């Protein structure tokens, strides 16, 4: 039982980080109608920038600088590419983000090389114990920070002018524009938030029990894609639920891999996609996604 609880707790911590990344997918889609595939490279960029800034500035200032740099890159992508292609076909915008992702990823892999870069987390590899259940302090802090950030986001999304404008733009872009809502500004802020959330998730993903920053960090964002789609690509709350479901399922599959050897080694890596497929077979729009109705 203690192993099961420990796996569930670690799955929740992983799921909250998936939720942060998935939320970036969702708010970009809601604000600009773009399915962004740049999050893998933004996640890796955030981890790399934090490492590099921590050397001269120390951990806290270096972390803030790395998060700010990632947000700035996301803003540049939106201003220089996405904004200029506004009105283009959705598939064209998605392919463009794949191209941007490949360019950023190639540069990050070149810079990192075969090394594993360490982020000097002040909490190191310490472990928090709740009875017989243990979790790394890094993962426990990830849960706390994710809860705070997600709460702040939902408050802003519900009550702020930007949140109202974003919901209006997602509901009916043309009507929102006629009402004076500047969709370009809504999209810009959405990309900024998505970049910041990716960098924050990266900060904890490269801490204990993960050894550090390597190109393998890129693959984590791929697990957030099923989380966003499973929850519903147009549902901010669904991003969190989807992240938690994927995180717990992945942690359980990895923890009980010896009992699942008949399914093949590395089965845990495909669990997020299997969960997504099963859910979409039942609810094609995702758990909380909006179902589109058409009159025949």
Protein backbone atom coordinates (compact mmCIF):
# COMPACT_ATOMS: atom_id res chain seq x y z
CA UNK A 1 0.00 0.00 0.00
CA UNK A 2 2.85 2.41 0.83
CA UNK A 3 4.34 1.85 -2.63
CA UNK A 4 0.99 2.57 -4.24
CA UNK A 5 0.51 5.78 -2.24
CA UNK A 6 4.05 6.90 -3.00
CA UNK A 7 3.49 6.32 -6.72
CA UNK A 8 0.20 8.20 -6.63
CA UNK A 9 1.82 11.14 -4.81
CA UNK A 10 4.68 11.26 -7.30
CA UNK A 11 2.14 10.95 -10.11
CA UNK A 12 0.24 13.94 -8.76
CA UNK A 13 3.44 15.99 -8.65
CA UNK A 14 4.25 15.00 -12.23
CA UNK A 15 0.65 15.68 -13.20
CA UNK A 16 0.70 19.21 -11.81
CA UNK A 17 3.72 19.97 -13.99
CA UNK A 18 1.96 18.40 -16.97
CA UNK A 19 -0.98 20.62 -16.05
CA UNK A 20 1.16 23.76 -16.19
CA UNK A 21 2.47 22.83 -19.63
CA UNK A 22 -0.96 21.71 -20.88
CA UNK A 23 -2.46 24.98 -19.68
CA UNK A 24 -0.03 26.76 -22.00
CA UNK A 25 -1.37 24.73 -24.94
CA UNK A 26 -4.94 25.54 -23.97
CA UNK A 27 -4.63 29.30 -23.44
CA UNK A 28 -2.76 29.75 -26.71
CA UNK A 29 -5.46 27.78 -28.51
CA UNK A 30 -8.24 29.78 -26.84
CA UNK A 31 -6.56 33.14 -27.46
CA UNK A 32 -5.29 32.71 -31.00
CA UNK A 33 -6.78 29.47 -32.34
CA UNK A 34 -3.29 28.01 -32.76
CA UNK A 35 -2.38 24.48 -31.70
CA UNK A 36 1.17 25.30 -30.62
CA UNK A 37 3.82 22.59 -30.87
CA UNK A 38 6.59 24.87 -29.60
CA UNK A 39 6.20 23.85 -25.96
CA UNK A 40 8.80 21.10 -26.04
CA UNK A 41 11.52 23.50 -27.11
CA UNK A 42 10.26 26.25 -24.78
CA UNK A 43 10.44 23.80 -21.88
CA UNK A 44 14.01 22.87 -22.77
CA UNK A 45 14.90 26.53 -23.34
CA UNK A 46 13.54 27.41 -19.90
CA UNK A 47 15.64 24.75 -18.19
CA UNK A 48 18.76 25.73 -20.13
CA UNK A 49 18.28 29.48 -19.52
CA UNK A 50 17.83 28.92 -15.78
CA UNK A 51 21.08 26.91 -15.64
CA UNK A 52 23.05 29.55 -17.50
CA UNK A 53 21.68 32.50 -15.52
CA UNK A 54 22.17 30.73 -12.19
CA UNK A 55 25.97 30.69 -12.65
CA UNK A 56 26.51 34.47 -12.56
CA UNK A 57 23.36 35.54 -10.69
CA UNK A 58 22.73 32.83 -8.14
CA UNK A 59 19.74 30.54 -7.94
CA UNK A 60 16.87 32.93 -7.20
CA UNK A 61 17.82 35.78 -9.56
CA UNK A 62 18.99 33.28 -12.17
CA UNK A 63 15.66 31.46 -12.02
CA UNK A 64 13.71 34.70 -12.46
CA UNK A 65 15.96 35.70 -15.36
CA UNK A 66 15.56 32.29 -17.01
CA UNK A 67 11.77 32.41 -16.68
CA UNK A 68 11.70 35.97 -18.05
CA UNK A 69 13.93 34.97 -20.99
CA UNK A 70 11.62 32.07 -21.88
CA UNK A 71 8.59 34.34 -21.71
CA UNK A 72 10.38 36.83 -23.96
CA UNK A 73 11.14 34.16 -26.57
CA UNK A 74 7.48 33.10 -26.53
CA UNK A 75 6.46 36.74 -27.07
CA UNK A 76 8.89 37.07 -29.99
CA UNK A 77 7.45 33.94 -31.60
CA UNK A 78 3.97 35.39 -31.32
CA UNK A 79 4.89 38.89 -32.55
CA UNK A 80 7.27 37.96 -35.36
CA UNK A 81 5.52 34.85 -36.70
CA UNK A 82 2.05 34.03 -35.38
CA UNK A 83 0.73 37.60 -35.44
CA UNK A 84 1.93 38.10 -39.00
CA UNK A 85 0.12 34.93 -40.09
CA UNK A 86 -3.17 35.84 -38.41
CA UNK A 87 -6.04 34.65 -40.57
CA UNK A 88 -4.06 31.81 -42.14
CA UNK A 89 -5.43 28.26 -42.14
CA UNK A 90 -5.22 26.47 -38.80
CA UNK A 91 -3.15 23.64 -40.28
CA UNK A 92 -0.65 26.16 -41.67
CA UNK A 93 -0.21 27.79 -38.25
CA UNK A 94 0.26 24.38 -36.60
CA UNK A 95 2.93 23.41 -39.14
CA UNK A 96 4.68 26.75 -38.60
CA UNK A 97 4.88 26.08 -34.85
CA UNK A 98 6.38 22.66 -35.60
CA UNK A 99 9.05 24.39 -37.70
CA UNK A 100 9.81 26.88 -34.93
CA UNK A 101 9.99 24.01 -32.44
CA UNK A 102 12.51 22.13 -34.58
CA UNK A 103 14.70 25.22 -34.98
CA UNK A 104 14.74 25.95 -31.24
CA UNK A 105 15.25 22.29 -30.33
CA UNK A 106 18.18 21.92 -32.72
CA UNK A 107 19.87 24.97 -31.24
CA UNK A 108 19.28 23.76 -27.66
CA UNK A 109 20.64 20.29 -28.42
CA UNK A 110 23.72 21.86 -30.00
CA UNK A 111 24.31 24.04 -26.95
CA UNK A 112 23.75 21.31 -24.37
CA UNK A 113 25.55 18.57 -26.26
CA UNK A 114 26.00 15.29 -24.42
CA UNK A 115 26.38 16.98 -21.03
CA UNK A 116 23.86 16.89 -18.19
CA UNK A 117 23.59 20.38 -16.72
CA UNK A 118 22.64 20.72 -13.07
CA UNK A 119 20.35 23.40 -11.67
CA UNK A 120 21.61 24.33 -8.16
CA UNK A 121 18.31 23.85 -6.35
CA UNK A 122 18.78 24.98 -2.72
CA UNK A 123 16.63 22.06 -1.53
CA UNK A 124 18.80 19.53 -3.36
CA UNK A 125 17.66 15.91 -3.21
CA UNK A 126 16.01 16.05 0.21
CA UNK A 127 12.99 13.82 0.77
CA UNK A 128 9.72 14.61 2.54
CA UNK A 129 8.07 11.73 4.39
CA UNK A 130 4.42 11.34 5.33
CA UNK A 131 4.52 8.18 7.39
CA UNK A 132 5.78 5.41 5.11
CA UNK A 133 5.21 7.48 1.98
CA UNK A 134 8.13 9.49 0.65
CA UNK A 135 8.45 12.13 -2.06
CA UNK A 136 11.37 14.35 -3.02
CA UNK A 137 11.16 17.88 -1.63
CA UNK A 138 11.54 19.13 -5.19
CA UNK A 139 8.36 17.32 -6.26
CA UNK A 140 6.50 18.48 -3.13
CA UNK A 141 7.44 22.08 -3.89
CA UNK A 142 6.33 21.54 -7.50
CA UNK A 143 2.85 20.65 -6.26
CA UNK A 144 2.68 23.72 -4.01
CA UNK A 145 3.94 26.13 -6.67
CA UNK A 146 1.65 24.64 -9.33
CA UNK A 147 -1.38 24.99 -7.05
CA UNK A 148 -0.55 28.66 -6.38
CA UNK A 149 0.07 29.49 -10.05
CA UNK A 150 -2.99 27.65 -11.28
CA UNK A 151 -5.15 29.35 -8.65
CA UNK A 152 -3.82 32.77 -9.64
CA UNK A 153 -4.46 31.98 -13.29
CA UNK A 154 -8.06 30.90 -12.72
CA UNK A 155 -8.74 34.03 -10.65
CA UNK A 156 -7.27 36.22 -13.40
CA UNK A 157 -9.06 34.24 -16.10
CA UNK A 158 -12.39 34.71 -14.31
CA UNK A 159 -12.16 38.30 -13.09
CA UNK A 160 -9.51 40.25 -15.01
CA UNK A 161 -10.16 42.25 -18.17
CA UNK A 162 -7.72 39.99 -20.04
CA UNK A 163 -9.60 36.88 -18.92
CA UNK A 164 -12.94 38.31 -20.02
CA UNK A 165 -11.43 39.38 -23.34
CA UNK A 166 -9.91 35.94 -23.84
CA UNK A 167 -13.18 34.16 -23.18
CA UNK A 168 -14.98 36.53 -25.53
CA UNK A 169 -12.40 36.02 -28.27
CA UNK A 170 -12.60 32.24 -27.87
CA UNK A 171 -16.41 32.33 -28.03
CA UNK A 172 -16.71 34.53 -31.12
CA UNK A 173 -13.59 36.26 -32.45
CA UNK A 174 -15.42 38.50 -34.93
CA UNK A 175 -17.98 39.70 -32.39
CA UNK A 176 -15.19 40.32 -29.85
CA UNK A 177 -13.28 42.42 -32.38
CA UNK A 178 -16.41 44.45 -33.15
CA UNK A 179 -16.78 45.12 -29.42
CA UNK A 180 -13.29 46.64 -29.35
CA UNK A 181 -11.36 43.68 -27.93
CA UNK A 182 -7.79 43.72 -29.25
CA UNK A 183 -7.18 40.12 -30.13
CA UNK A 184 -3.52 40.76 -30.82
CA UNK A 185 -2.98 41.84 -27.20
CA UNK A 186 -4.94 38.83 -25.90
CA UNK A 187 -2.80 36.49 -28.00
CA UNK A 188 0.43 38.20 -26.90
CA UNK A 189 -0.36 37.82 -23.20
CA UNK A 190 -1.41 34.20 -23.74
CA UNK A 191 1.93 33.33 -25.33
CA UNK A 192 3.78 35.15 -22.56
CA UNK A 193 1.92 33.21 -19.87
CA UNK A 194 2.47 29.94 -21.72
CA UNK A 195 6.22 30.58 -21.92
CA UNK A 196 6.43 31.46 -18.23
CA UNK A 197 4.46 28.37 -17.20
CA UNK A 198 6.73 26.15 -19.33
CA UNK A 199 9.84 27.60 -17.67
CA UNK A 200 8.39 27.13 -14.16
CA UNK A 201 7.53 23.52 -14.98
CA UNK A 202 11.06 23.03 -16.33
CA UNK A 203 12.57 24.32 -13.07
CA UNK A 204 11.05 21.41 -11.12
CA UNK A 205 11.22 18.80 -13.86
CA UNK A 206 15.03 18.96 -13.91
CA UNK A 207 15.30 18.61 -10.11
CA UNK A 208 15.35 15.44 -7.99
CA UNK A 209 14.74 12.67 -8.88
CA UNK A 210 15.62 13.82 -12.43
CA UNK A 211 19.42 14.10 -12.82
CA UNK A 212 19.44 17.49 -14.57
CA UNK A 213 19.05 19.29 -17.89
CA UNK A 214 19.53 17.21 -21.01
CA UNK A 215 17.79 17.03 -24.40
CA UNK A 216 15.59 14.30 -22.89
CA UNK A 217 13.67 17.06 -21.04
CA UNK A 218 12.07 17.87 -24.39
CA UNK A 219 10.16 14.60 -24.28
CA UNK A 220 8.30 15.64 -21.12
CA UNK A 221 6.31 18.22 -23.05
CA UNK A 222 5.11 15.47 -25.37
CA UNK A 223 3.31 13.94 -22.38
CA UNK A 224 1.52 17.24 -21.85
CA UNK A 225 -0.03 17.12 -25.33
CA UNK A 226 -2.23 14.11 -24.42
CA UNK A 227 -3.07 15.90 -21.14
CA UNK A 228 -4.33 18.98 -22.98
CA UNK A 229 -6.30 16.97 -25.54
CA UNK A 230 -7.70 14.56 -22.93
CA UNK A 231 -8.98 17.41 -20.78
CA UNK A 232 -10.33 19.29 -23.78
CA UNK A 233 -8.22 21.63 -25.87
CA UNK A 234 -10.50 24.57 -25.14
CA UNK A 235 -10.89 23.90 -21.39
CA UNK A 236 -8.48 25.51 -18.93
CA UNK A 237 -9.79 23.38 -16.06
CA UNK A 238 -9.51 20.31 -18.26
CA UNK A 239 -5.78 20.96 -18.69
CA UNK A 240 -5.23 20.44 -14.96
CA UNK A 241 -7.47 17.36 -14.75
CA UNK A 242 -5.86 15.88 -17.84
CA UNK A 243 -2.39 16.54 -16.45
CA UNK A 244 -3.22 14.81 -13.17
CA UNK A 245 -4.72 11.78 -14.92
CA UNK A 246 -1.75 11.40 -17.24
CA UNK A 247 0.79 11.95 -14.44
CA UNK A 248 -0.76 9.35 -12.10
CA UNK A 249 -1.22 6.81 -14.91
CA UNK A 250 2.38 7.24 -16.04
CA UNK A 251 3.76 6.97 -12.49
CA UNK A 252 1.76 3.81 -11.76
CA UNK A 253 2.83 2.19 -15.03
CA UNK A 254 6.48 2.99 -14.30
CA UNK A 255 6.24 1.81 -10.69
CA UNK A 256 4.63 -1.51 -11.60
CA UNK A 257 6.63 -2.10 -14.76
CA UNK A 258 7.92 -5.45 -13.50
CA UNK A 259 4.34 -6.71 -13.32
CA UNK A 260 3.66 -5.30 -16.81
CA UNK A 261 6.62 -6.85 -18.62
CA UNK A 262 4.23 -8.90 -20.75
CA UNK A 263 3.28 -5.59 -22.39
CA UNK A 264 6.91 -4.87 -23.25
CA UNK A 265 9.65 -2.75 -21.69
CA UNK A 266 9.08 1.00 -21.72
CA UNK A 267 5.32 0.54 -21.63
CA UNK A 268 5.03 3.52 -19.27
CA UNK A 269 6.19 5.85 -22.05
CA UNK A 270 3.10 5.13 -24.14
CA UNK A 271 0.58 5.16 -21.27
CA UNK A 272 -0.29 8.89 -21.75
CA UNK A 273 -1.29 8.22 -25.34
CA UNK A 274 -3.24 5.06 -24.49
CA UNK A 275 -5.20 6.95 -21.82
CA UNK A 276 -5.86 9.76 -24.30
CA UNK A 277 -7.11 7.35 -26.98
CA UNK A 278 -9.42 5.51 -24.57
CA UNK A 279 -10.97 8.75 -23.31
CA UNK A 280 -11.36 10.21 -26.81
CA UNK A 281 -13.12 7.05 -27.99
CA UNK A 282 -15.78 7.80 -25.38
CA UNK A 283 -15.67 11.62 -25.50
CA UNK A 284 -14.15 12.86 -28.80
CA UNK A 285 -14.03 16.47 -27.52
CA UNK A 286 -12.17 15.51 -24.34
CA UNK A 287 -13.44 15.34 -20.77
CA UNK A 288 -14.35 19.03 -20.57
CA UNK A 289 -14.02 20.18 -24.16
CA UNK A 290 -16.85 21.93 -25.98
CA UNK A 291 -18.78 19.67 -28.28
CA UNK A 292 -19.45 21.27 -31.65
CA UNK A 293 -22.95 20.79 -32.94
CA UNK A 294 -23.88 21.24 -36.58
CA UNK A 295 -27.37 21.37 -38.03
CA UNK A 296 -27.95 18.97 -40.89
